Amino acid sequence: MQIRILDGRYFDIAGHGYLMKSDYSVTADAGYYHALASLLKLNAAQGTQFCRVGNKHDGGYVMINDKFHGGVAYSFGINRDVSWDLGLASQGFDIFMYDPTIDGLPLQDPHFHFFREGIAGSNKPTENLYTLEYFMHKNGHDNGRDMILKIDTEGAEWDFLRQVDSATLQQFDQIIFEFHNLIAGQTYEQMADKIAAFAKMNKTHGLVHLHGTNMDMQVIVDGNVWPNALEATYVNRQNYVLTSGDNIILPNALDRPSDENREEIILGKWNLRN
């Protein structure tokens, strides 16, 4: 296997294991990438259309818009960008917004409900971190259906997915993730966690869109680009007719580079990689 780091450094690796170089490490296990490719297969949701919600660049996400008629959305990871939240608020959604790293929102909206707390796989009151089930119970959404969930929490998504119950995920019509640390600094235990997380998502939801963020590192493995961070849109399997997405080419017309000053990542016919 040849791995090329997209900053000009080249490495040839025989077999599997790791490449470690001071502060820089990259997973070098072909089986891991094959597993990712098999679990991140794109689906086409029949009779639906995509829309972009949020900023033109970082902070915007490609979603399916056929059920934008108000409801409840959970938004984890805010920082100073509420463009996605405003987009859903304009469609009548009440947005429950969480971020323990900021003191407040950059602007207000009647549909916003902000809490200086974050999401985790278990309740950690001393860190202001709690489970999704905790927040849903607190907000009276134990029996909520067809809600929307967005998680962009710089790596906390893995702890969340390790512990969350599939029945809880089933309560969401669409789930938007930004998956971080897919390739950098991996251990075999971390790789196994990620494989299990994607397998859990596939039980209840189908992946309909992927976008590679160009704000992080990338590698080329056997001719395929693998970003360290991927924006992913999932839809509830009970609510959509999903078919093969082998002809989907990424990025699509609604995608924009996360960093407008860097080149977009071309993922191409994603489902055809192996």
C-alpha atoms as a PDB file:
ATOM      1  CA  MET A   1       0.000   0.000   0.000  1.00  0.00           C
ATOM      2  CA  GLN A   2       1.189   3.498  -0.728  1.00  0.00           C
ATOM      3  CA  ILE A   3       0.007   6.392   1.361  1.00  0.00           C
ATOM      4  CA  ARG A   4       0.660   9.925   0.188  1.00  0.00           C
ATOM      5  CA  ILE A   5       0.259  12.764   2.647  1.00  0.00           C
ATOM      6  CA  LEU A   6      -1.057  15.814   0.846  1.00  0.00           C
ATOM      7  CA  ASP A   7       1.624  18.139   2.153  1.00  0.00           C
ATOM      8  CA  GLY A   8       4.390  16.660   0.049  1.00  0.00           C
ATOM      9  CA  ARG A   9       5.588  13.836   2.324  1.00  0.00           C
ATOM     10  CA  TYR A  10       5.491  10.320   0.883  1.00  0.00           C
ATOM     11  CA  PHE A  11       5.578   6.995   2.644  1.00  0.00           C
ATOM     12  CA  ASP A  12       5.499   3.427   1.366  1.00  0.00           C
ATOM     13  CA  ILE A  13       4.172   0.961   3.878  1.00  0.00           C
ATOM     14  CA  ALA A  14       4.228  -2.808   3.664  1.00  0.00           C
ATOM     15  CA  GLY A  15       1.653  -4.779   5.569  1.00  0.00           C
ATOM     16  CA  HIS A  16      -0.274  -2.993   8.275  1.00  0.00           C
ATOM     17  CA  GLY A  17       0.441  -1.117  11.457  1.00  0.00           C
ATOM     18  CA  TYR A  18       1.158   2.548  11.980  1.00  0.00           C
ATOM     19  CA  LEU A  19       3.345   5.285  10.743  1.00  0.00           C
ATOM     20  CA  MET A  20       4.463   7.528  13.586  1.00  0.00           C
ATOM     21  CA  LYS A  21       6.508  10.642  12.956  1.00  0.00           C
ATOM     22  CA  SER A  22       6.888  13.011  15.920  1.00  0.00           C
ATOM     23  CA  ASP A  23       3.568  14.888  16.091  1.00  0.00           C
ATOM     24  CA  TYR A  24       2.173  13.309  12.934  1.00  0.00           C
ATOM     25  CA  SER A  25       0.566   9.890  12.640  1.00  0.00           C
ATOM     26  CA  VAL A  26      -1.572   8.211  10.007  1.00  0.00           C
ATOM     27  CA  THR A  27      -3.389   4.912  10.086  1.00  0.00           C
ATOM     28  CA  ALA A  28      -1.792   2.514   7.613  1.00  0.00           C
ATOM     29  CA  ASP A  29      -4.170  -0.409   7.696  1.00  0.00           C
ATOM     30  CA  ALA A  30      -5.848  -1.282   4.402  1.00  0.00           C
ATOM     31  CA  GLY A  31      -8.550  -3.257   6.166  1.00  0.00           C
ATOM     32  CA  TYR A  32      -9.652  -0.174   8.076  1.00  0.00           C
ATOM     33  CA  TYR A  33     -10.205   1.834   4.888  1.00  0.00           C
ATOM     34  CA  HIS A  34     -12.028  -1.052   3.226  1.00  0.00           C
ATOM     35  CA  ALA A  35     -14.311  -1.278   6.259  1.00  0.00           C
ATOM     36  CA  LEU A  36     -14.988   2.455   6.155  1.00  0.00           C
ATOM     37  CA  ALA A  37     -15.813   2.274   2.445  1.00  0.00           C
ATOM     38  CA  SER A  38     -18.268  -0.579   2.988  1.00  0.00           C
ATOM     39  CA  LEU A  39     -20.039   1.111   5.911  1.00  0.00           C
ATOM     40  CA  LEU A  40     -20.206   4.561   4.342  1.00  0.00           C
ATOM     41  CA  LYS A  41     -22.073   3.588   1.190  1.00  0.00           C
ATOM     42  CA  LEU A  42     -24.296   6.353  -0.176  1.00  0.00           C
ATOM     43  CA  ASN A  43     -28.011   5.869  -0.762  1.00  0.00           C
ATOM     44  CA  ALA A  44     -30.395   7.772  -3.016  1.00  0.00           C
ATOM     45  CA  ALA A  45     -33.607   8.852  -1.255  1.00  0.00           C
ATOM     46  CA  GLN A  46     -36.307   8.500  -3.890  1.00  0.00           C
ATOM     47  CA  GLY A  47     -38.647  11.438  -4.553  1.00  0.00           C
ATOM     48  CA  THR A  48     -36.630  13.928  -2.489  1.00  0.00           C
ATOM     49  CA  GLN A  49     -34.493  16.977  -3.167  1.00  0.00           C
ATOM     50  CA  PHE A  50     -31.427  18.366  -1.469  1.00  0.00           C
ATOM     51  CA  CYS A  51     -31.091  21.838  -0.032  1.00  0.00           C
ATOM     52  CA  ARG A  52     -28.268  23.653   1.698  1.00  0.00           C
ATOM     53  CA  VAL A  53     -28.933  24.960   5.199  1.00  0.00           C
ATOM     54  CA  GLY A  54     -26.537  27.447   6.760  1.00  0.00           C
ATOM     55  CA  ASN A  55     -23.459  29.235   5.519  1.00  0.00           C
ATOM     56  CA  LYS A  56     -22.178  29.032   1.978  1.00  0.00           C
ATOM     57  CA  HIS A  57     -18.940  27.514   3.294  1.00  0.00           C
ATOM     58  CA  ASP A  58     -18.119  26.169   6.788  1.00  0.00           C
ATOM     59  CA  GLY A  59     -21.249  25.908   8.931  1.00  0.00           C
ATOM     60  CA  GLY A  60     -23.577  24.920   6.089  1.00  0.00           C
ATOM     61  CA  TYR A  61     -24.863  21.398   5.505  1.00  0.00           C
ATOM     62  CA  VAL A  62     -26.598  19.610   2.640  1.00  0.00           C
ATOM     63  CA  MET A  63     -29.907  18.109   3.747  1.00  0.00           C
ATOM     64  CA  ILE A  64     -33.159  16.726   2.357  1.00  0.00           C
ATOM     65  CA  ASN A  65     -35.870  19.387   2.416  1.00  0.00           C
ATOM     66  CA  ASP A  66     -39.143  17.538   1.862  1.00  0.00           C
ATOM     67  CA  LYS A  67     -40.091  17.572   5.569  1.00  0.00           C
ATOM     68  CA  PHE A  68     -39.182  21.136   6.498  1.00  0.00           C
ATOM     69  CA  HIS A  69     -42.501  22.015   8.086  1.00  0.00           C
ATOM     70  CA  GLY A  70     -41.542  22.896  11.626  1.00  0.00           C
ATOM     71  CA  GLY A  71     -40.720  20.672  14.556  1.00  0.00           C
ATOM     72  CA  VAL A  72     -37.773  20.152  16.871  1.00  0.00           C
ATOM     73  CA  ALA A  73     -34.059  20.209  16.071  1.00  0.00           C
ATOM     74  CA  TYR A  74     -31.085  19.535  18.333  1.00  0.00           C
ATOM     75  CA  SER A  75     -27.850  21.340  17.536  1.00  0.00           C
ATOM     76  CA  PHE A  76     -24.632  20.303  19.297  1.00  0.00           C
ATOM     77  CA  GLY A  77     -21.522  22.388  18.632  1.00  0.00           C
ATOM     78  CA  ILE A  78     -22.245  26.059  17.988  1.00  0.00           C
ATOM     79  CA  ASN A  79     -19.086  28.129  18.455  1.00  0.00           C
ATOM     80  CA  ARG A  80     -19.955  31.501  16.871  1.00  0.00           C
ATOM     81  CA  ASP A  81     -21.943  30.177  13.908  1.00  0.00           C
ATOM     82  CA  VAL A  82     -25.728  29.904  14.116  1.00  0.00           C
ATOM     83  CA  SER A  83     -26.418  29.989  10.362  1.00  0.00           C
ATOM     84  CA  TRP A  84     -27.675  26.387  10.263  1.00  0.00           C
ATOM     85  CA  ASP A  85     -29.877  27.015  13.278  1.00  0.00           C
ATOM     86  CA  LEU A  86     -31.291  30.180  11.697  1.00  0.00           C
ATOM     87  CA  GLY A  87     -32.055  28.279   8.517  1.00  0.00           C
ATOM     88  CA  LEU A  88     -34.181  25.748  10.377  1.00  0.00           C
ATOM     89  CA  ALA A  89     -35.724  28.403  12.626  1.00  0.00           C
ATOM     90  CA  SER A  90     -36.955  30.170   9.488  1.00  0.00           C
ATOM     91  CA  GLN A  91     -38.855  26.956   8.673  1.00  0.00           C
ATOM     92  CA  GLY A  92     -40.561  26.965  12.059  1.00  0.00           C
ATOM     93  CA  PHE A  93     -38.253  24.609  13.969  1.00  0.00           C
ATOM     94  CA  ASP A  94     -37.510  25.108  17.660  1.00  0.00           C
ATOM     95  CA  ILE A  95     -33.746  24.671  17.992  1.00  0.00           C
ATOM     96  CA  PHE A  96     -32.262  23.266  21.192  1.00  0.00           C
ATOM     97  CA  MET A  97     -28.637  24.421  21.051  1.00  0.00           C
ATOM     98  CA  TYR A  98     -25.713  23.151  23.125  1.00  0.00           C
ATOM     99  CA  ASP A  99     -22.087  24.196  23.482  1.00  0.00           C
ATOM    100  CA  PRO A 100     -20.116  24.217  26.770  1.00  0.00           C
ATOM    101  CA  THR A 101     -17.272  26.268  25.253  1.00  0.00           C
ATOM    102  CA  ILE A 102     -19.177  29.543  24.730  1.00  0.00           C
ATOM    103  CA  ASP A 103     -20.983  31.851  27.151  1.00  0.00           C
ATOM    104  CA  GLY A 104     -23.821  32.728  24.789  1.00  0.00           C
ATOM    105  CA  LEU A 105     -25.007  32.967  21.210  1.00  0.00           C
ATOM    106  CA  PRO A 106     -23.801  35.650  18.781  1.00  0.00           C
ATOM    107  CA  LEU A 107     -27.436  36.558  18.092  1.00  0.00           C
ATOM    108  CA  GLN A 108     -30.878  35.593  19.252  1.00  0.00           C
ATOM    109  CA  ASP A 109     -34.028  34.213  17.657  1.00  0.00           C
ATOM    110  CA  PRO A 110     -37.385  33.361  19.243  1.00  0.00           C
ATOM    111  CA  HIS A 111     -36.884  29.734  18.178  1.00  0.00           C
ATOM    112  CA  PHE A 112     -33.480  29.408  19.898  1.00  0.00           C
ATOM    113  CA  HIS A 113     -33.056  27.608  23.237  1.00  0.00           C
ATOM    114  CA  PHE A 114     -29.385  27.714  24.235  1.00  0.00           C
ATOM    115  CA  PHE A 115     -27.656  25.752  27.006  1.00  0.00           C
ATOM    116  CA  ARG A 116     -24.000  25.921  28.028  1.00  0.00           C
ATOM    117  CA  GLU A 117     -23.724  22.131  28.064  1.00  0.00           C
ATOM    118  CA  GLY A 118     -22.360  19.484  25.728  1.00  0.00           C
ATOM    119  CA  ILE A 119     -23.082  15.967  24.561  1.00  0.00           C
ATOM    120  CA  ALA A 120     -21.312  12.794  25.688  1.00  0.00           C
ATOM    121  CA  GLY A 121     -21.874   9.068  25.942  1.00  0.00           C
ATOM    122  CA  SER A 122     -22.573   9.304  29.687  1.00  0.00           C
ATOM    123  CA  ASN A 123     -23.588  12.031  32.102  1.00  0.00           C
ATOM    124  CA  LYS A 124     -20.610  13.993  33.437  1.00  0.00           C
ATOM    125  CA  PRO A 125     -22.067  16.858  35.500  1.00  0.00           C
ATOM    126  CA  THR A 126     -18.690  18.220  36.582  1.00  0.00           C
ATOM    127  CA  GLU A 127     -17.863  18.793  32.891  1.00  0.00           C
ATOM    128  CA  ASN A 128     -21.325  20.012  31.859  1.00  0.00           C
ATOM    129  CA  LEU A 129     -21.631  16.986  29.548  1.00  0.00           C
ATOM    130  CA  TYR A 130     -24.741  14.847  29.283  1.00  0.00           C
ATOM    131  CA  THR A 131     -26.342  12.209  27.080  1.00  0.00           C
ATOM    132  CA  LEU A 132     -28.821  12.948  24.327  1.00  0.00           C
ATOM    133  CA  GLU A 133     -31.442  11.005  26.266  1.00  0.00           C
ATOM    134  CA  TYR A 134     -30.886  13.298  29.255  1.00  0.00           C
ATOM    135  CA  PHE A 135     -31.495  16.401  27.160  1.00  0.00           C
ATOM    136  CA  MET A 136     -34.540  14.912  25.426  1.00  0.00           C
ATOM    137  CA  HIS A 137     -36.102  13.991  28.775  1.00  0.00           C
ATOM    138  CA  LYS A 138     -35.335  17.422  30.217  1.00  0.00           C
ATOM    139  CA  ASN A 139     -37.002  19.088  27.226  1.00  0.00           C
ATOM    140  CA  GLY A 140     -40.057  16.834  27.211  1.00  0.00           C
ATOM    141  CA  HIS A 141     -39.100  14.998  24.016  1.00  0.00           C
ATOM    142  CA  ASP A 142     -39.051  11.428  25.316  1.00  0.00           C
ATOM    143  CA  ASN A 143     -41.680  10.498  22.743  1.00  0.00           C
ATOM    144  CA  GLY A 144     -40.564  12.934  20.053  1.00  0.00           C
ATOM    145  CA  ARG A 145     -40.625  11.749  16.453  1.00  0.00           C
ATOM    146  CA  ASP A 146     -39.119  12.978  13.188  1.00  0.00           C
ATOM    147  CA  MET A 147     -36.784  15.431  14.903  1.00  0.00           C
ATOM    148  CA  ILE A 148     -33.517  16.675  13.399  1.00  0.00           C
ATOM    149  CA  LEU A 149     -30.094  16.235  15.005  1.00  0.00           C
ATOM    150  CA  LYS A 150     -26.822  17.989  14.152  1.00  0.00           C
ATOM    151  CA  ILE A 151     -23.553  17.092  15.893  1.00  0.00           C
ATOM    152  CA  ASP A 152     -20.324  18.965  15.144  1.00  0.00           C
ATOM    153  CA  THR A 153     -18.373  18.565  18.355  1.00  0.00           C
ATOM    154  CA  GLU A 154     -14.738  18.099  17.326  1.00  0.00           C
ATOM    155  CA  GLY A 155     -14.526  14.402  18.164  1.00  0.00           C
ATOM    156  CA  ALA A 156     -17.137  13.977  20.934  1.00  0.00           C
ATOM    157  CA  GLU A 157     -19.367  12.257  18.363  1.00  0.00           C
ATOM    158  CA  TRP A 158     -17.515   8.972  18.873  1.00  0.00           C
ATOM    159  CA  ASP A 159     -18.241   8.770  22.612  1.00  0.00           C
ATOM    160  CA  PHE A 160     -21.857   9.687  21.858  1.00  0.00           C
ATOM    161  CA  LEU A 161     -22.239   6.980  19.205  1.00  0.00           C
ATOM    162  CA  ARG A 162     -20.549   4.378  21.391  1.00  0.00           C
ATOM    163  CA  GLN A 163     -23.283   4.706  24.031  1.00  0.00           C
ATOM    164  CA  VAL A 164     -26.460   6.041  22.404  1.00  0.00           C
ATOM    165  CA  ASP A 165     -29.348   3.614  22.029  1.00  0.00           C
ATOM    166  CA  SER A 166     -30.571   2.866  18.511  1.00  0.00           C
ATOM    167  CA  ALA A 167     -34.139   3.525  19.700  1.00  0.00           C
ATOM    168  CA  THR A 168     -33.082   7.101  20.492  1.00  0.00           C
ATOM    169  CA  LEU A 169     -31.561   7.556  17.038  1.00  0.00           C
ATOM    170  CA  GLN A 170     -34.791   6.222  15.529  1.00  0.00           C
ATOM    171  CA  GLN A 171     -36.610   9.309  16.841  1.00  0.00           C
ATOM    172  CA  PHE A 172     -34.751  11.533  14.349  1.00  0.00           C
ATOM    173  CA  ASP A 173     -35.743  11.982  10.725  1.00  0.00           C
ATOM    174  CA  GLN A 174     -32.365  13.414   9.683  1.00  0.00           C
ATOM    175  CA  ILE A 175     -29.019  13.324  11.469  1.00  0.00           C
ATOM    176  CA  ILE A 176     -26.115  15.532  10.412  1.00  0.00           C
ATOM    177  CA  PHE A 177     -22.616  14.727  11.614  1.00  0.00           C
ATOM    178  CA  GLU A 178     -19.206  16.169  11.119  1.00  0.00           C
ATOM    179  CA  PHE A 179     -17.031  13.142  11.757  1.00  0.00           C
ATOM    180  CA  HIS A 180     -13.528  14.036  12.959  1.00  0.00           C
ATOM    181  CA  ASN A 181     -10.211  12.200  13.299  1.00  0.00           C
ATOM    182  CA  LEU A 182     -10.983   9.500  10.757  1.00  0.00           C
ATOM    183  CA  ILE A 183      -7.366   8.939   9.777  1.00  0.00           C
ATOM    184  CA  ALA A 184      -5.008  10.768  12.130  1.00  0.00           C
ATOM    185  CA  GLY A 185      -3.504   9.343  15.288  1.00  0.00           C
ATOM    186  CA  GLN A 186      -5.432   6.084  15.325  1.00  0.00           C
ATOM    187  CA  THR A 187      -5.091   3.074  17.573  1.00  0.00           C
ATOM    188  CA  TYR A 188      -6.741  -0.219  16.727  1.00  0.00           C
ATOM    189  CA  GLU A 189      -9.243   0.356  19.534  1.00  0.00           C
ATOM    190  CA  GLN A 190     -10.167   3.754  18.080  1.00  0.00           C
ATOM    191  CA  MET A 191     -10.559   2.252  14.629  1.00  0.00           C
ATOM    192  CA  ALA A 192     -12.836  -0.457  16.040  1.00  0.00           C
ATOM    193  CA  ASP A 193     -14.927   2.229  17.775  1.00  0.00           C
ATOM    194  CA  LYS A 194     -15.428   4.085  14.503  1.00  0.00           C
ATOM    195  CA  ILE A 195     -16.366   0.935  12.602  1.00  0.00           C
ATOM    196  CA  ALA A 196     -18.903   0.063  15.313  1.00  0.00           C
ATOM    197  CA  ALA A 197     -20.297   3.610  15.252  1.00  0.00           C
ATOM    198  CA  PHE A 198     -20.946   3.541  11.502  1.00  0.00           C
ATOM    199  CA  ALA A 199     -22.485   0.069  11.759  1.00  0.00           C
ATOM    200  CA  LYS A 200     -24.847   1.343  14.472  1.00  0.00           C
ATOM    201  CA  MET A 201     -25.909   4.312  12.338  1.00  0.00           C
ATOM    202  CA  ASN A 202     -26.672   2.028   9.401  1.00  0.00           C
ATOM    203  CA  LYS A 203     -29.196   0.047  11.454  1.00  0.00           C
ATOM    204  CA  THR A 204     -31.622   2.963  11.689  1.00  0.00           C
ATOM    205  CA  HIS A 205     -30.501   5.461   9.053  1.00  0.00           C
ATOM    206  CA  GLY A 206     -29.205   5.530   5.502  1.00  0.00           C
ATOM    207  CA  LEU A 207     -26.332   7.759   4.423  1.00  0.00           C
ATOM    208  CA  VAL A 208     -27.438  10.098   1.607  1.00  0.00           C
ATOM    209  CA  HIS A 209     -24.658  12.677   1.437  1.00  0.00           C
ATOM    210  CA  LEU A 210     -20.965  13.107   2.247  1.00  0.00           C
ATOM    211  CA  HIS A 211     -18.665  16.092   1.956  1.00  0.00           C
ATOM    212  CA  GLY A 212     -14.981  16.175   2.779  1.00  0.00           C
ATOM    213  CA  THR A 213     -13.900  19.199   4.783  1.00  0.00           C
ATOM    214  CA  ASN A 214     -10.757  20.796   3.390  1.00  0.00           C
ATOM    215  CA  MET A 215      -9.882  22.417   6.730  1.00  0.00           C
ATOM    216  CA  ASP A 216      -8.160  19.241   7.942  1.00  0.00           C
ATOM    217  CA  MET A 217      -5.550  16.823   6.640  1.00  0.00           C
ATOM    218  CA  GLN A 218      -6.189  14.342   3.846  1.00  0.00           C
ATOM    219  CA  VAL A 219      -4.475  11.203   2.622  1.00  0.00           C
ATOM    220  CA  ILE A 220      -4.620   9.241  -0.605  1.00  0.00           C
ATOM    221  CA  VAL A 221      -4.917   5.494  -0.051  1.00  0.00           C
ATOM    222  CA  ASP A 222      -4.681   3.290  -3.129  1.00  0.00           C
ATOM    223  CA  GLY A 223      -5.698   6.217  -5.317  1.00  0.00           C
ATOM    224  CA  ASN A 224      -8.666   7.350  -3.174  1.00  0.00           C
ATOM    225  CA  VAL A 225      -8.790  10.580  -1.176  1.00  0.00           C
ATOM    226  CA  TRP A 226      -9.701  10.130   2.491  1.00  0.00           C
ATOM    227  CA  PRO A 227     -10.339  13.354   4.438  1.00  0.00           C
ATOM    228  CA  ASN A 228      -9.701  13.380   8.162  1.00  0.00           C
ATOM    229  CA  ALA A 229     -13.145  14.984   8.599  1.00  0.00           C
ATOM    230  CA  LEU A 230     -16.371  14.208   6.747  1.00  0.00           C
ATOM    231  CA  GLU A 231     -19.728  15.975   6.856  1.00  0.00           C
ATOM    232  CA  ALA A 232     -22.433  13.300   6.648  1.00  0.00           C
ATOM    233  CA  THR A 233     -26.212  13.432   6.222  1.00  0.00           C
ATOM    234  CA  TYR A 234     -28.313  10.445   7.304  1.00  0.00           C
ATOM    235  CA  VAL A 235     -32.066   9.901   6.886  1.00  0.00           C
ATOM    236  CA  ASN A 236     -34.365   7.593   8.811  1.00  0.00           C
ATOM    237  CA  ARG A 237     -34.850   4.301   6.969  1.00  0.00           C
ATOM    238  CA  GLN A 238     -38.496   4.130   8.058  1.00  0.00           C
ATOM    239  CA  ASN A 239     -39.318   7.457   6.403  1.00  0.00           C
ATOM    240  CA  TYR A 240     -37.620   7.176   3.004  1.00  0.00           C
ATOM    241  CA  VAL A 241     -37.296   4.772   0.094  1.00  0.00           C
ATOM    242  CA  LEU A 242     -33.564   4.256  -0.278  1.00  0.00           C
ATOM    243  CA  THR A 243     -31.884   2.813  -3.356  1.00  0.00           C
ATOM    244  CA  SER A 244     -28.316   2.350  -4.542  1.00  0.00           C
ATOM    245  CA  GLY A 245     -26.249   5.502  -4.810  1.00  0.00           C
ATOM    246  CA  ASP A 246     -23.549   4.053  -7.047  1.00  0.00           C
ATOM    247  CA  ASN A 247     -23.980   6.846  -9.596  1.00  0.00           C
ATOM    248  CA  ILE A 248     -23.709   9.677  -7.040  1.00  0.00           C
ATOM    249  CA  ILE A 249     -20.717  11.925  -7.704  1.00  0.00           C
ATOM    250  CA  LEU A 250     -19.266  14.071  -4.923  1.00  0.00           C
ATOM    251  CA  PRO A 251     -19.191  16.965  -4.365  1.00  0.00           C
ATOM    252  CA  ASN A 252     -22.663  17.834  -5.628  1.00  0.00           C
ATOM    253  CA  ALA A 253     -23.953  21.186  -6.901  1.00  0.00           C
ATOM    254  CA  LEU A 254     -24.830  22.397  -3.396  1.00  0.00           C
ATOM    255  CA  ASP A 255     -21.478  21.595  -1.825  1.00  0.00           C
ATOM    256  CA  ARG A 256     -18.922  24.306  -1.174  1.00  0.00           C
ATOM    257  CA  PRO A 257     -15.374  24.057   0.205  1.00  0.00           C
ATOM    258  CA  SER A 258     -15.402  24.479   3.971  1.00  0.00           C
ATOM    259  CA  ASP A 259     -12.484  26.879   3.612  1.00  0.00           C
ATOM    260  CA  GLU A 260     -13.138  29.035   0.561  1.00  0.00           C
ATOM    261  CA  ASN A 261      -9.406  29.753   0.214  1.00  0.00           C
ATOM    262  CA  ARG A 262      -8.516  26.088  -0.291  1.00  0.00           C
ATOM    263  CA  GLU A 263      -9.382  23.692  -3.082  1.00  0.00           C
ATOM    264  CA  GLU A 264     -12.494  21.582  -2.735  1.00  0.00           C
ATOM    265  CA  ILE A 265     -12.010  17.871  -2.021  1.00  0.00           C
ATOM    266  CA  ILE A 266     -13.146  15.727  -4.941  1.00  0.00           C
ATOM    267  CA  LEU A 267     -14.519  12.439  -3.635  1.00  0.00           C
ATOM    268  CA  GLY A 268     -15.873  11.358  -7.043  1.00  0.00           C
ATOM    269  CA  LYS A 269     -17.996   8.201  -7.343  1.00  0.00           C
ATOM    270  CA  TRP A 270     -17.678   7.375  -3.665  1.00  0.00           C
ATOM    271  CA  ASN A 271     -19.513   4.058  -3.698  1.00  0.00           C
ATOM    272  CA  LEU A 272     -17.133   2.574  -6.259  1.00  0.00           C
ATOM    273  CA  ARG A 273     -14.100   2.707  -3.987  1.00  0.00           C
ATOM    274  CA  ASN A 274     -13.191  -0.452  -2.130  1.00  0.00           C
END
